[in-house]
């Protein structure tokens, strides 16, 4: 069903949206292993899916590049694979390292009209390949996390032509954090160095993402 924002959000909403109708098929397999009295744990999950969606709801710049609209996309065929894996190693009681990785392949094409110029073209802003990875180290003094996000190329409009192609990108970030507990009060501090490679990229065409930046935050809980 369309959300409240899909229907009524200022300028973007579309009160004529129809609910999506979907036929879904999914198969998955998982494996997990613990060793050394649970100090080492590894798991991996692989899921494959095939969906046939009628009246798929997507957001595209339907009026111009600056005003987006929610629309029904006719009929879309989606096939893909998601892979997730993690490894956790408890070195000592207060020292552990965790590795996480994911990969996604999604073939999502318009099959509304076999005579259309966009027939079997990848739908807008949907990369074929995407993934992420992270390394987290938890110590008695500070927690450290390095993360990487990867997105393949994708198209800004319905036609899969070179002029509509958006370049792939990677985003690297580092986070240092620490929590303190004083009786019933929890204090936390976090320092984030974002986009450390200072890569210039666009998730949405003509909306460049921020370059290298530093963010500091303090969290108070009671």
N, C-alpha and C. Protein backbone atom coordinates (compact mmCIF):
# COMPACT_ATOMS: atom_id res chain seq x y z
N UNK A 1 0.83 -1.19 0.00
CA UNK A 1 0.00 0.00 0.00
C UNK A 1 0.88 1.26 0.00
N UNK A 2 0.45 2.34 -0.68
CA UNK A 2 1.21 3.60 -0.62
C UNK A 2 1.20 4.14 0.81
N UNK A 3 2.33 4.73 1.23
CA UNK A 3 2.39 5.34 2.55
C UNK A 3 1.68 6.70 2.53
N UNK A 4 1.49 7.26 3.72
CA UNK A 4 0.86 8.58 3.83
C UNK A 4 1.67 9.62 3.05
N UNK A 5 3.02 9.57 3.18
CA UNK A 5 3.87 10.52 2.46
C UNK A 5 3.79 10.32 0.95
N UNK A 6 3.74 9.05 0.50
CA UNK A 6 3.61 8.77 -0.93
C UNK A 6 2.38 9.45 -1.52
N UNK A 7 1.32 9.48 -0.72
CA UNK A 7 0.05 10.02 -1.22
C UNK A 7 -0.07 11.53 -1.07
N UNK A 8 0.40 12.06 0.07
CA UNK A 8 0.03 13.43 0.41
C UNK A 8 1.19 14.39 0.66
N UNK A 9 2.43 13.92 0.61
CA UNK A 9 3.55 14.82 0.89
C UNK A 9 3.59 15.95 -0.13
N UNK A 10 3.87 17.16 0.35
CA UNK A 10 3.80 18.36 -0.48
C UNK A 10 4.62 18.22 -1.76
N UNK A 11 3.99 18.42 -2.90
CA UNK A 11 4.54 18.38 -4.26
C UNK A 11 4.95 16.97 -4.70
N UNK A 12 5.53 16.19 -3.78
CA UNK A 12 5.99 14.85 -4.14
C UNK A 12 4.84 13.84 -4.17
N UNK A 13 3.88 14.00 -3.27
CA UNK A 13 2.81 13.02 -3.14
C UNK A 13 1.91 12.93 -4.37
N UNK A 14 1.27 11.78 -4.51
CA UNK A 14 0.39 11.52 -5.65
C UNK A 14 -0.82 10.75 -5.12
N UNK A 15 -1.97 11.43 -5.02
CA UNK A 15 -3.15 10.79 -4.44
C UNK A 15 -3.76 9.75 -5.38
N UNK A 16 -3.26 9.66 -6.61
CA UNK A 16 -3.78 8.68 -7.57
C UNK A 16 -3.01 7.36 -7.55
N UNK A 17 -2.05 7.22 -6.63
CA UNK A 17 -1.26 6.00 -6.58
C UNK A 17 -2.11 4.77 -6.30
N UNK A 18 -1.78 3.70 -6.99
CA UNK A 18 -2.43 2.41 -6.76
C UNK A 18 -1.55 1.54 -5.87
N UNK A 19 -2.12 0.61 -5.13
CA UNK A 19 -1.30 -0.33 -4.35
C UNK A 19 -0.49 -1.23 -5.29
N UNK A 20 0.68 -1.63 -4.82
CA UNK A 20 1.48 -2.60 -5.58
C UNK A 20 0.87 -4.00 -5.43
N UNK A 21 0.94 -4.76 -6.51
CA UNK A 21 0.57 -6.18 -6.48
C UNK A 21 1.81 -6.98 -6.84
N UNK A 22 2.15 -7.93 -5.99
CA UNK A 22 3.44 -8.61 -6.14
C UNK A 22 3.28 -10.13 -6.04
N UNK A 23 3.97 -10.84 -6.94
CA UNK A 23 4.17 -12.28 -6.82
C UNK A 23 5.65 -12.48 -6.47
N UNK A 24 5.90 -13.09 -5.33
CA UNK A 24 7.27 -13.20 -4.84
C UNK A 24 7.68 -14.66 -4.66
N UNK A 25 8.92 -14.91 -5.04
CA UNK A 25 9.52 -16.24 -4.84
C UNK A 25 10.89 -16.03 -4.22
N UNK A 26 11.19 -16.78 -3.17
CA UNK A 26 12.44 -16.59 -2.45
C UNK A 26 12.99 -17.93 -1.98
N UNK A 27 14.30 -18.08 -2.07
CA UNK A 27 14.96 -19.26 -1.53
C UNK A 27 16.26 -18.81 -0.89
N UNK A 28 16.57 -19.38 0.26
CA UNK A 28 17.77 -18.96 0.96
C UNK A 28 18.44 -20.11 1.69
N UNK A 29 19.72 -19.91 2.00
CA UNK A 29 20.47 -20.90 2.75
C UNK A 29 21.39 -20.15 3.71
N UNK A 30 21.57 -20.70 4.90
CA UNK A 30 22.42 -20.07 5.89
C UNK A 30 23.32 -21.08 6.57
N UNK A 31 24.46 -20.58 7.05
CA UNK A 31 25.41 -21.45 7.76
C UNK A 31 26.02 -20.65 8.90
N UNK A 32 26.13 -21.26 10.07
CA UNK A 32 26.74 -20.62 11.23
C UNK A 32 27.62 -21.62 11.96
N UNK A 33 28.73 -21.11 12.52
CA UNK A 33 29.68 -21.98 13.21
C UNK A 33 30.30 -21.23 14.37
N UNK A 34 30.35 -21.86 15.54
CA UNK A 34 31.01 -21.29 16.72
C UNK A 34 32.12 -22.21 17.17
N UNK A 35 33.25 -21.63 17.57
CA UNK A 35 34.41 -22.39 18.01
C UNK A 35 34.98 -21.76 19.27
N UNK A 36 35.86 -22.49 19.92
CA UNK A 36 36.59 -21.99 21.09
C UNK A 36 35.63 -21.46 22.16
N UNK A 37 34.67 -22.28 22.53
CA UNK A 37 33.69 -21.93 23.56
C UNK A 37 32.98 -20.62 23.23
N UNK A 38 32.58 -20.50 21.97
CA UNK A 38 31.82 -19.34 21.46
C UNK A 38 32.63 -18.05 21.38
N UNK A 39 33.95 -18.14 21.54
CA UNK A 39 34.76 -16.93 21.37
C UNK A 39 34.90 -16.56 19.89
N UNK A 40 34.74 -17.54 19.02
CA UNK A 40 34.80 -17.29 17.58
C UNK A 40 33.46 -17.72 16.97
N UNK A 41 32.86 -16.82 16.22
CA UNK A 41 31.58 -17.13 15.59
C UNK A 41 31.57 -16.58 14.18
N UNK A 42 31.10 -17.41 13.25
CA UNK A 42 31.01 -17.00 11.84
C UNK A 42 29.66 -17.44 11.29
N UNK A 43 29.08 -16.61 10.44
CA UNK A 43 27.84 -17.01 9.78
C UNK A 43 27.76 -16.38 8.41
N UNK A 44 27.00 -17.02 7.55
CA UNK A 44 26.83 -16.55 6.18
C UNK A 44 25.42 -16.92 5.72
N UNK A 45 24.78 -15.98 5.03
CA UNK A 45 23.44 -16.20 4.50
C UNK A 45 23.39 -15.77 3.04
N UNK A 46 22.77 -16.60 2.22
CA UNK A 46 22.60 -16.30 0.80
C UNK A 46 21.12 -16.44 0.46
N UNK A 47 20.54 -15.39 -0.11
CA UNK A 47 19.13 -15.40 -0.49
C UNK A 47 18.99 -15.04 -1.95
N UNK A 48 18.22 -15.83 -2.68
CA UNK A 48 17.88 -15.52 -4.06
C UNK A 48 16.38 -15.26 -4.16
N UNK A 49 15.99 -14.34 -5.03
CA UNK A 49 14.57 -13.99 -5.12
C UNK A 49 14.19 -13.62 -6.54
N UNK A 50 12.90 -13.77 -6.80
CA UNK A 50 12.32 -13.33 -8.07
C UNK A 50 10.96 -12.73 -7.77
N UNK A 51 10.75 -11.48 -8.19
CA UNK A 51 9.49 -10.79 -7.94
C UNK A 51 8.91 -10.28 -9.25
N UNK A 52 7.60 -10.32 -9.34
CA UNK A 52 6.88 -9.72 -10.46
C UNK A 52 5.92 -8.71 -9.85
N UNK A 53 6.16 -7.42 -10.08
CA UNK A 53 5.43 -6.36 -9.41
C UNK A 53 4.62 -5.55 -10.43
N UNK A 54 3.34 -5.43 -10.18
CA UNK A 54 2.46 -4.57 -10.98
C UNK A 54 2.19 -3.29 -10.20
N UNK A 55 2.23 -2.15 -10.90
CA UNK A 55 2.03 -0.83 -10.29
C UNK A 55 3.07 -0.54 -9.21
N UNK A 56 4.32 -0.89 -9.49
CA UNK A 56 5.40 -0.63 -8.54
C UNK A 56 5.51 0.88 -8.29
N UNK A 57 5.67 1.25 -7.02
CA UNK A 57 5.75 2.65 -6.63
C UNK A 57 7.21 3.08 -6.57
N UNK A 58 7.56 4.10 -7.35
CA UNK A 58 8.91 4.64 -7.34
C UNK A 58 8.83 6.16 -7.37
N UNK A 59 9.95 6.81 -7.01
CA UNK A 59 10.05 8.27 -7.08
C UNK A 59 11.00 8.64 -8.20
N UNK A 60 10.56 9.48 -9.11
CA UNK A 60 11.40 9.98 -10.20
C UNK A 60 11.08 11.45 -10.43
N UNK A 61 12.02 12.21 -11.06
CA UNK A 61 11.73 13.60 -11.40
C UNK A 61 10.76 13.67 -12.58
N UNK A 62 9.49 13.55 -12.28
CA UNK A 62 8.47 13.43 -13.31
C UNK A 62 8.13 14.77 -13.96
N UNK A 63 8.25 15.90 -13.19
CA UNK A 63 7.93 17.22 -13.72
C UNK A 63 9.19 17.94 -14.20
N UNK A 64 10.20 17.99 -13.33
CA UNK A 64 11.52 18.50 -13.71
C UNK A 64 12.53 17.92 -12.74
N UNK A 65 13.81 18.27 -12.90
CA UNK A 65 14.86 17.66 -12.10
C UNK A 65 14.78 18.02 -10.62
N UNK A 66 14.01 19.06 -10.29
CA UNK A 66 13.98 19.54 -8.92
C UNK A 66 12.68 19.19 -8.19
N UNK A 67 11.68 18.72 -8.92
CA UNK A 67 10.42 18.32 -8.30
C UNK A 67 10.17 16.85 -8.62
N UNK A 68 10.27 16.01 -7.60
CA UNK A 68 10.09 14.58 -7.77
C UNK A 68 8.64 14.20 -7.49
N UNK A 69 8.22 13.12 -8.10
CA UNK A 69 6.84 12.65 -7.91
C UNK A 69 6.85 11.14 -7.71
N UNK A 70 5.91 10.67 -6.90
CA UNK A 70 5.69 9.24 -6.74
C UNK A 70 4.78 8.77 -7.87
N UNK A 71 5.17 7.71 -8.56
CA UNK A 71 4.35 7.22 -9.66
C UNK A 71 4.26 5.70 -9.59
N UNK A 72 3.26 5.15 -10.26
CA UNK A 72 3.19 3.70 -10.49
C UNK A 72 3.92 3.39 -11.78
N UNK A 73 4.76 2.36 -11.74
CA UNK A 73 5.67 2.09 -12.86
C UNK A 73 5.14 1.02 -13.82
N UNK A 74 3.90 0.66 -13.76
CA UNK A 74 3.41 -0.38 -14.66
C UNK A 74 3.77 -1.74 -14.12
N UNK A 75 4.61 -2.49 -14.85
CA UNK A 75 5.01 -3.83 -14.41
C UNK A 75 6.52 -3.95 -14.42
N UNK A 76 7.05 -4.50 -13.33
CA UNK A 76 8.50 -4.61 -13.15
C UNK A 76 8.86 -6.04 -12.80
N UNK A 77 9.93 -6.53 -13.41
CA UNK A 77 10.47 -7.85 -13.10
C UNK A 77 11.76 -7.65 -12.32
N UNK A 78 11.86 -8.31 -11.17
CA UNK A 78 13.02 -8.15 -10.29
C UNK A 78 13.59 -9.52 -9.96
N UNK A 79 14.88 -9.69 -10.19
CA UNK A 79 15.58 -10.92 -9.81
C UNK A 79 16.89 -10.53 -9.16
N UNK A 80 17.26 -11.22 -8.10
CA UNK A 80 18.49 -10.82 -7.43
C UNK A 80 18.99 -11.83 -6.43
N UNK A 81 20.16 -11.50 -5.89
CA UNK A 81 20.81 -12.32 -4.87
C UNK A 81 21.38 -11.39 -3.80
N UNK A 82 21.17 -11.74 -2.53
CA UNK A 82 21.76 -11.01 -1.41
C UNK A 82 22.66 -11.97 -0.63
N UNK A 83 23.88 -11.52 -0.36
CA UNK A 83 24.84 -12.32 0.41
C UNK A 83 25.29 -11.50 1.61
N UNK A 84 25.20 -12.10 2.79
CA UNK A 84 25.64 -11.43 4.03
C UNK A 84 26.52 -12.39 4.82
N UNK A 85 27.64 -11.87 5.32
CA UNK A 85 28.56 -12.70 6.09
C UNK A 85 29.14 -11.89 7.24
N UNK A 86 29.43 -12.56 8.34
CA UNK A 86 30.04 -11.89 9.48
C UNK A 86 30.94 -12.85 10.25
N UNK A 87 31.97 -12.29 10.86
CA UNK A 87 32.90 -13.04 11.71
C UNK A 87 33.11 -12.23 12.98
N UNK A 88 32.96 -12.87 14.12
CA UNK A 88 33.18 -12.23 15.41
C UNK A 88 34.19 -13.04 16.20
N UNK A 89 35.24 -12.35 16.69
CA UNK A 89 36.26 -13.04 17.47
C UNK A 89 36.48 -12.29 18.79
N UNK A 90 36.19 -12.99 19.89
CA UNK A 90 36.38 -12.42 21.23
C UNK A 90 37.81 -12.77 21.67
N UNK A 91 38.72 -11.80 21.53
CA UNK A 91 40.13 -12.07 21.81
C UNK A 91 40.33 -12.28 23.31
N UNK A 92 39.90 -11.30 24.10
CA UNK A 92 39.84 -11.43 25.55
C UNK A 92 38.48 -10.88 25.98
N UNK A 93 38.23 -10.83 27.29
CA UNK A 93 36.89 -10.47 27.77
C UNK A 93 36.41 -9.12 27.23
N UNK A 94 37.27 -8.10 27.21
CA UNK A 94 36.86 -6.76 26.80
C UNK A 94 37.48 -6.33 25.48
N UNK A 95 37.89 -7.29 24.70
CA UNK A 95 38.51 -6.97 23.41
C UNK A 95 37.98 -7.93 22.36
N UNK A 96 37.27 -7.39 21.36
CA UNK A 96 36.75 -8.23 20.30
C UNK A 96 36.82 -7.50 18.97
N UNK A 97 36.86 -8.28 17.91
CA UNK A 97 36.88 -7.74 16.56
C UNK A 97 35.76 -8.39 15.76
N UNK A 98 35.11 -7.59 14.95
CA UNK A 98 33.99 -8.09 14.15
C UNK A 98 34.12 -7.61 12.71
N UNK A 99 33.96 -8.54 11.78
CA UNK A 99 34.00 -8.24 10.35
C UNK A 99 32.62 -8.51 9.76
N UNK A 100 32.13 -7.59 8.96
CA UNK A 100 30.84 -7.77 8.29
C UNK A 100 30.96 -7.41 6.82
N UNK A 101 30.27 -8.14 5.99
CA UNK A 101 30.26 -7.83 4.57
C UNK A 101 28.94 -8.22 3.93
N UNK A 102 28.55 -7.48 2.91
CA UNK A 102 27.32 -7.81 2.19
C UNK A 102 27.50 -7.47 0.72
N UNK A 103 26.77 -8.21 -0.10
CA UNK A 103 26.77 -7.95 -1.55
C UNK A 103 25.36 -8.18 -2.07
N UNK A 104 24.93 -7.29 -2.95
CA UNK A 104 23.61 -7.44 -3.54
C UNK A 104 23.65 -7.28 -5.05
N UNK A 105 22.97 -8.19 -5.73
CA UNK A 105 22.78 -8.09 -7.17
C UNK A 105 21.28 -7.99 -7.42
N UNK A 106 20.86 -6.92 -8.11
CA UNK A 106 19.43 -6.75 -8.36
C UNK A 106 19.18 -6.32 -9.80
N UNK A 107 18.55 -7.22 -10.53
CA UNK A 107 18.15 -6.97 -11.92
C UNK A 107 16.68 -6.60 -11.87
N UNK A 108 16.38 -5.30 -12.03
CA UNK A 108 15.01 -4.80 -11.90
C UNK A 108 14.66 -4.03 -13.17
N UNK A 109 13.84 -4.63 -14.03
CA UNK A 109 13.60 -4.05 -15.35
C UNK A 109 12.11 -3.80 -15.60
N UNK A 110 11.87 -2.82 -16.45
CA UNK A 110 10.51 -2.45 -16.83
C UNK A 110 10.01 -3.41 -17.91
N UNK A 111 8.90 -4.08 -17.64
CA UNK A 111 8.32 -4.99 -18.64
C UNK A 111 6.87 -4.60 -18.95
N UNK A 112 6.57 -3.31 -18.76
CA UNK A 112 5.20 -2.83 -18.94
C UNK A 112 4.71 -2.97 -20.37
N UNK A 113 5.58 -2.64 -21.34
CA UNK A 113 5.17 -2.59 -22.74
C UNK A 113 6.32 -3.07 -23.61
N UNK A 114 6.14 -4.18 -24.28
CA UNK A 114 7.21 -4.75 -25.10
C UNK A 114 7.57 -3.87 -26.30
N UNK A 115 6.72 -2.90 -26.64
CA UNK A 115 6.98 -2.00 -27.76
C UNK A 115 7.66 -0.70 -27.31
N UNK A 116 7.81 -0.52 -26.00
CA UNK A 116 8.37 0.72 -25.48
C UNK A 116 9.89 0.76 -25.63
N UNK A 117 10.44 1.98 -25.73
CA UNK A 117 11.89 2.15 -25.80
C UNK A 117 12.58 1.77 -24.50
N UNK A 118 11.82 1.69 -23.43
CA UNK A 118 12.42 1.35 -22.14
C UNK A 118 12.13 -0.11 -21.74
N UNK A 119 11.64 -0.90 -22.66
CA UNK A 119 11.33 -2.29 -22.34
C UNK A 119 12.60 -3.03 -21.94
N UNK A 120 12.55 -3.69 -20.80
CA UNK A 120 13.65 -4.42 -20.19
C UNK A 120 14.87 -3.53 -19.91
N UNK A 121 14.62 -2.25 -19.65
CA UNK A 121 15.66 -1.36 -19.15
C UNK A 121 15.61 -1.35 -17.63
N UNK A 122 16.78 -1.26 -17.01
CA UNK A 122 16.86 -1.18 -15.55
C UNK A 122 16.11 0.06 -15.06
N UNK A 123 15.29 -0.10 -14.00
CA UNK A 123 14.50 1.03 -13.53
C UNK A 123 15.42 2.07 -12.87
N UNK A 124 14.98 3.33 -12.81
CA UNK A 124 15.84 4.41 -12.31
C UNK A 124 16.37 4.19 -10.90
N UNK A 125 17.62 4.61 -10.71
CA UNK A 125 18.29 4.62 -9.41
C UNK A 125 18.36 3.25 -8.75
N UNK A 126 18.46 2.21 -9.55
CA UNK A 126 18.60 0.85 -9.03
C UNK A 126 19.86 0.22 -9.61
N UNK A 127 20.98 0.21 -8.86
CA UNK A 127 22.21 -0.38 -9.38
C UNK A 127 22.12 -1.90 -9.47
N UNK A 128 22.79 -2.45 -10.47
CA UNK A 128 22.88 -3.91 -10.55
C UNK A 128 23.66 -4.47 -9.37
N UNK A 129 24.74 -3.79 -9.01
CA UNK A 129 25.64 -4.29 -7.97
C UNK A 129 25.75 -3.27 -6.84
N UNK A 130 25.73 -3.74 -5.62
CA UNK A 130 25.96 -2.89 -4.46
C UNK A 130 26.52 -3.75 -3.33
N UNK A 131 27.13 -3.10 -2.36
CA UNK A 131 27.69 -3.87 -1.26
C UNK A 131 28.20 -2.98 -0.14
N UNK A 132 28.62 -3.61 0.92
CA UNK A 132 29.18 -2.88 2.06
C UNK A 132 30.11 -3.80 2.83
N UNK A 133 31.00 -3.18 3.61
CA UNK A 133 31.91 -3.94 4.46
C UNK A 133 32.25 -3.08 5.67
N UNK A 134 32.54 -3.73 6.78
CA UNK A 134 32.91 -2.98 7.98
C UNK A 134 33.84 -3.82 8.86
N UNK A 135 34.69 -3.11 9.60
CA UNK A 135 35.56 -3.73 10.60
C UNK A 135 35.34 -2.97 11.90
N UNK A 136 34.94 -3.67 12.95
CA UNK A 136 34.71 -3.04 14.25
C UNK A 136 35.63 -3.67 15.29
N UNK A 137 36.26 -2.81 16.09
CA UNK A 137 37.12 -3.27 17.18
C UNK A 137 36.61 -2.64 18.47
N UNK A 138 36.23 -3.47 19.43
CA UNK A 138 35.75 -2.98 20.72
C UNK A 138 36.82 -3.24 21.79
N UNK A 139 37.23 -2.17 22.47
CA UNK A 139 38.28 -2.25 23.48
C UNK A 139 37.77 -1.64 24.78
N UNK A 140 38.50 -1.82 25.89
CA UNK A 140 38.07 -1.18 27.15
C UNK A 140 38.15 0.35 27.09
N UNK A 141 38.89 0.89 26.12
CA UNK A 141 39.13 2.33 26.09
C UNK A 141 38.26 3.05 25.06
N UNK A 142 38.16 2.51 23.85
CA UNK A 142 37.40 3.16 22.80
C UNK A 142 36.98 2.11 21.77
N UNK A 143 35.87 2.34 21.12
CA UNK A 143 35.42 1.45 20.04
C UNK A 143 35.74 2.10 18.70
N UNK A 144 36.24 1.29 17.79
CA UNK A 144 36.65 1.78 16.47
C UNK A 144 35.87 1.04 15.39
N UNK A 145 35.42 1.76 14.37
CA UNK A 145 34.72 1.12 13.26
C UNK A 145 35.11 1.78 11.95
N UNK A 146 35.49 0.96 10.99
CA UNK A 146 35.73 1.42 9.62
C UNK A 146 34.64 0.80 8.75
N UNK A 147 34.00 1.61 7.91
CA UNK A 147 32.95 1.09 7.05
C UNK A 147 33.14 1.55 5.62
N UNK A 148 32.69 0.74 4.71
CA UNK A 148 32.78 1.01 3.28
C UNK A 148 31.43 0.70 2.64
N UNK A 149 30.95 1.62 1.84
CA UNK A 149 29.72 1.43 1.06
C UNK A 149 30.07 1.54 -0.41
N UNK A 150 29.59 0.59 -1.21
CA UNK A 150 29.90 0.56 -2.65
C UNK A 150 28.58 0.49 -3.42
N UNK A 151 28.46 1.32 -4.43
CA UNK A 151 27.29 1.26 -5.31
C UNK A 151 27.75 1.26 -6.75
N UNK A 152 27.18 0.38 -7.55
CA UNK A 152 27.49 0.34 -8.96
C UNK A 152 26.80 1.46 -9.73
N UNK A 153 27.05 1.53 -11.00
CA UNK A 153 26.42 2.56 -11.82
C UNK A 153 24.91 2.31 -11.91
N UNK A 154 24.15 3.37 -12.12
CA UNK A 154 22.71 3.27 -12.26
C UNK A 154 22.23 4.41 -13.15
N UNK A 155 20.97 4.36 -13.52
CA UNK A 155 20.43 5.34 -14.46
C UNK A 155 19.49 6.30 -13.76
N UNK A 156 19.57 7.58 -14.15
CA UNK A 156 18.75 8.61 -13.51
C UNK A 156 17.34 8.67 -14.09
N UNK A 157 17.17 8.20 -15.32
CA UNK A 157 15.85 8.21 -15.96
C UNK A 157 15.56 6.82 -16.52
N UNK A 158 14.40 6.66 -17.11
CA UNK A 158 13.95 5.34 -17.51
C UNK A 158 14.75 4.73 -18.64
N UNK A 159 15.24 5.53 -19.59
CA UNK A 159 16.01 5.00 -20.70
C UNK A 159 17.44 4.72 -20.26
N UNK A 160 17.93 3.50 -20.54
CA UNK A 160 19.30 3.14 -20.18
C UNK A 160 20.26 3.57 -21.28
N UNK A 161 20.49 4.86 -21.36
CA UNK A 161 21.42 5.42 -22.33
C UNK A 161 22.54 6.13 -21.58
N UNK A 162 23.65 6.36 -22.28
CA UNK A 162 24.84 6.92 -21.63
C UNK A 162 24.57 8.26 -20.96
N UNK A 163 23.73 9.09 -21.56
CA UNK A 163 23.47 10.42 -21.00
C UNK A 163 22.72 10.36 -19.67
N UNK A 164 22.08 9.24 -19.38
CA UNK A 164 21.34 9.09 -18.12
C UNK A 164 22.13 8.32 -17.06
N UNK A 165 23.36 7.94 -17.38
CA UNK A 165 24.14 7.07 -16.50
C UNK A 165 24.81 7.87 -15.39
N UNK A 166 24.69 7.37 -14.15
CA UNK A 166 25.39 7.93 -13.00
C UNK A 166 26.55 7.01 -12.64
N UNK A 167 27.70 7.60 -12.37
CA UNK A 167 28.91 6.82 -12.11
C UNK A 167 28.81 6.05 -10.80
N UNK A 168 29.49 4.91 -10.69
CA UNK A 168 29.55 4.19 -9.42
C UNK A 168 30.34 5.00 -8.39
N UNK A 169 30.18 4.64 -7.12
CA UNK A 169 30.91 5.38 -6.08
C UNK A 169 31.21 4.46 -4.90
N UNK A 170 32.18 4.89 -4.11
CA UNK A 170 32.50 4.24 -2.83
C UNK A 170 32.55 5.31 -1.75
N UNK A 171 32.17 4.95 -0.56
CA UNK A 171 32.17 5.89 0.57
C UNK A 171 32.83 5.21 1.76
N UNK A 172 33.95 5.79 2.22
CA UNK A 172 34.69 5.25 3.36
C UNK A 172 34.46 6.14 4.58
N UNK A 173 34.25 5.53 5.73
CA UNK A 173 34.05 6.30 6.96
C UNK A 173 34.73 5.61 8.14
N UNK A 174 35.13 6.42 9.13
CA UNK A 174 35.73 5.92 10.36
C UNK A 174 34.98 6.53 11.55
N UNK A 175 34.68 5.70 12.53
CA UNK A 175 33.96 6.17 13.72
C UNK A 175 34.71 5.72 14.98
N UNK A 176 34.92 6.67 15.90
CA UNK A 176 35.45 6.37 17.22
C UNK A 176 34.36 6.71 18.23
N UNK A 177 34.07 5.80 19.15
CA UNK A 177 33.00 6.04 20.11
C UNK A 177 33.33 5.41 21.46
N UNK A 178 32.67 5.95 22.49
CA UNK A 178 32.86 5.41 23.83
C UNK A 178 31.65 5.76 24.67
N UNK A 179 31.15 4.80 25.45
CA UNK A 179 30.03 5.02 26.35
C UNK A 179 30.49 4.89 27.80
N UNK A 180 29.96 5.75 28.66
CA UNK A 180 30.26 5.71 30.09
C UNK A 180 28.95 5.60 30.85
N UNK A 181 28.94 4.84 31.92
CA UNK A 181 27.75 4.71 32.74
C UNK A 181 28.06 5.15 34.16
N UNK A 182 27.33 6.16 34.63
CA UNK A 182 27.49 6.67 35.99
C UNK A 182 26.15 6.52 36.70
N UNK A 183 26.06 5.50 37.54
CA UNK A 183 24.79 5.14 38.19
C UNK A 183 23.72 4.90 37.12
N UNK A 184 22.66 5.72 37.08
CA UNK A 184 21.61 5.52 36.11
C UNK A 184 21.79 6.37 34.84
N UNK A 185 22.88 7.09 34.79
CA UNK A 185 23.12 8.00 33.66
C UNK A 185 24.11 7.38 32.69
N UNK A 186 23.79 7.44 31.41
CA UNK A 186 24.68 6.95 30.37
C UNK A 186 25.15 8.14 29.52
N UNK A 187 26.46 8.28 29.40
CA UNK A 187 27.05 9.31 28.56
C UNK A 187 27.81 8.65 27.43
N UNK A 188 27.65 9.18 26.24
CA UNK A 188 28.35 8.62 25.09
C UNK A 188 28.94 9.72 24.24
N UNK A 189 30.08 9.44 23.66
CA UNK A 189 30.72 10.38 22.74
C UNK A 189 31.07 9.68 21.45
N UNK A 190 30.97 10.41 20.35
CA UNK A 190 31.25 9.81 19.05
C UNK A 190 31.92 10.82 18.14
N UNK A 191 32.99 10.38 17.47
CA UNK A 191 33.68 11.19 16.46
C UNK A 191 33.62 10.43 15.15
N UNK A 192 33.08 11.06 14.12
CA UNK A 192 32.92 10.41 12.82
C UNK A 192 33.67 11.20 11.75
N UNK A 193 34.53 10.52 11.03
CA UNK A 193 35.19 11.08 9.87
C UNK A 193 34.54 10.44 8.65
N UNK A 194 33.76 11.24 7.92
CA UNK A 194 32.93 10.72 6.84
C UNK A 194 33.53 11.02 5.48
N UNK A 195 33.33 10.08 4.55
CA UNK A 195 33.84 10.22 3.18
C UNK A 195 35.33 10.59 3.22
N UNK A 196 36.13 9.77 3.87
CA UNK A 196 37.53 10.12 4.11
C UNK A 196 38.34 10.20 2.82
N UNK A 197 37.87 9.58 1.74
CA UNK A 197 38.58 9.69 0.46
C UNK A 197 38.22 10.98 -0.27
N UNK A 198 37.27 11.76 0.30
CA UNK A 198 36.82 13.02 -0.29
C UNK A 198 36.36 12.82 -1.74
N UNK A 199 35.64 11.73 -1.96
CA UNK A 199 35.14 11.44 -3.32
C UNK A 199 33.91 12.29 -3.62
N UNK A 200 33.87 12.84 -4.81
CA UNK A 200 32.73 13.63 -5.25
C UNK A 200 31.80 12.72 -6.05
N UNK A 201 30.59 12.55 -5.55
CA UNK A 201 29.65 11.64 -6.21
C UNK A 201 28.23 12.13 -5.98
N UNK A 202 27.32 11.55 -6.74
CA UNK A 202 25.90 11.89 -6.63
C UNK A 202 25.10 10.61 -6.47
N UNK A 203 24.30 10.52 -5.43
CA UNK A 203 23.33 9.44 -5.31
C UNK A 203 22.13 9.76 -6.21
N UNK A 204 21.71 11.03 -6.18
CA UNK A 204 20.67 11.54 -7.04
C UNK A 204 21.29 12.56 -7.98
N UNK A 205 20.97 12.49 -9.24
CA UNK A 205 21.56 13.41 -10.21
C UNK A 205 21.33 14.87 -9.81
N UNK A 206 22.41 15.67 -9.96
CA UNK A 206 22.41 17.11 -9.67
C UNK A 206 22.29 17.44 -8.18
N UNK A 207 22.44 16.43 -7.32
CA UNK A 207 22.48 16.66 -5.88
C UNK A 207 23.79 16.07 -5.34
N UNK A 208 24.92 16.79 -5.47
CA UNK A 208 26.21 16.25 -5.03
C UNK A 208 26.24 16.01 -3.52
N UNK A 209 26.86 14.91 -3.14
CA UNK A 209 26.98 14.57 -1.73
C UNK A 209 28.16 15.32 -1.12
N UNK A 210 28.12 15.44 0.20
CA UNK A 210 29.15 16.17 0.91
C UNK A 210 30.49 15.46 0.79
N UNK A 211 31.58 16.26 0.69
CA UNK A 211 32.92 15.69 0.65
C UNK A 211 33.37 15.26 2.05
N UNK A 212 34.67 15.24 2.25
CA UNK A 212 35.19 14.82 3.55
C UNK A 212 34.65 15.74 4.64
N UNK A 213 34.21 15.14 5.75
CA UNK A 213 33.64 15.95 6.84
C UNK A 213 33.87 15.26 8.18
N UNK A 214 33.84 16.07 9.23
CA UNK A 214 34.01 15.59 10.60
C UNK A 214 32.75 15.91 11.40
N UNK A 215 32.25 14.91 12.13
CA UNK A 215 31.05 15.12 12.94
C UNK A 215 31.31 14.61 14.35
N UNK A 216 30.99 15.44 15.31
CA UNK A 216 31.18 15.08 16.73
C UNK A 216 29.81 15.13 17.41
N UNK A 217 29.49 14.10 18.18
CA UNK A 217 28.21 14.07 18.87
C UNK A 217 28.36 13.54 20.29
N UNK A 218 27.49 14.02 21.16
CA UNK A 218 27.44 13.59 22.54
C UNK A 218 26.06 13.07 22.84
N UNK A 219 25.97 11.91 23.46
CA UNK A 219 24.69 11.26 23.75
C UNK A 219 24.51 11.17 25.27
N UNK A 220 23.33 11.59 25.71
CA UNK A 220 23.01 11.54 27.14
C UNK A 220 21.76 10.69 27.33
N UNK A 221 21.83 9.74 28.22
CA UNK A 221 20.67 8.89 28.48
C UNK A 221 20.45 8.72 29.97
N UNK A 222 19.17 8.62 30.34
CA UNK A 222 18.85 8.47 31.76
C UNK A 222 17.77 7.39 31.92
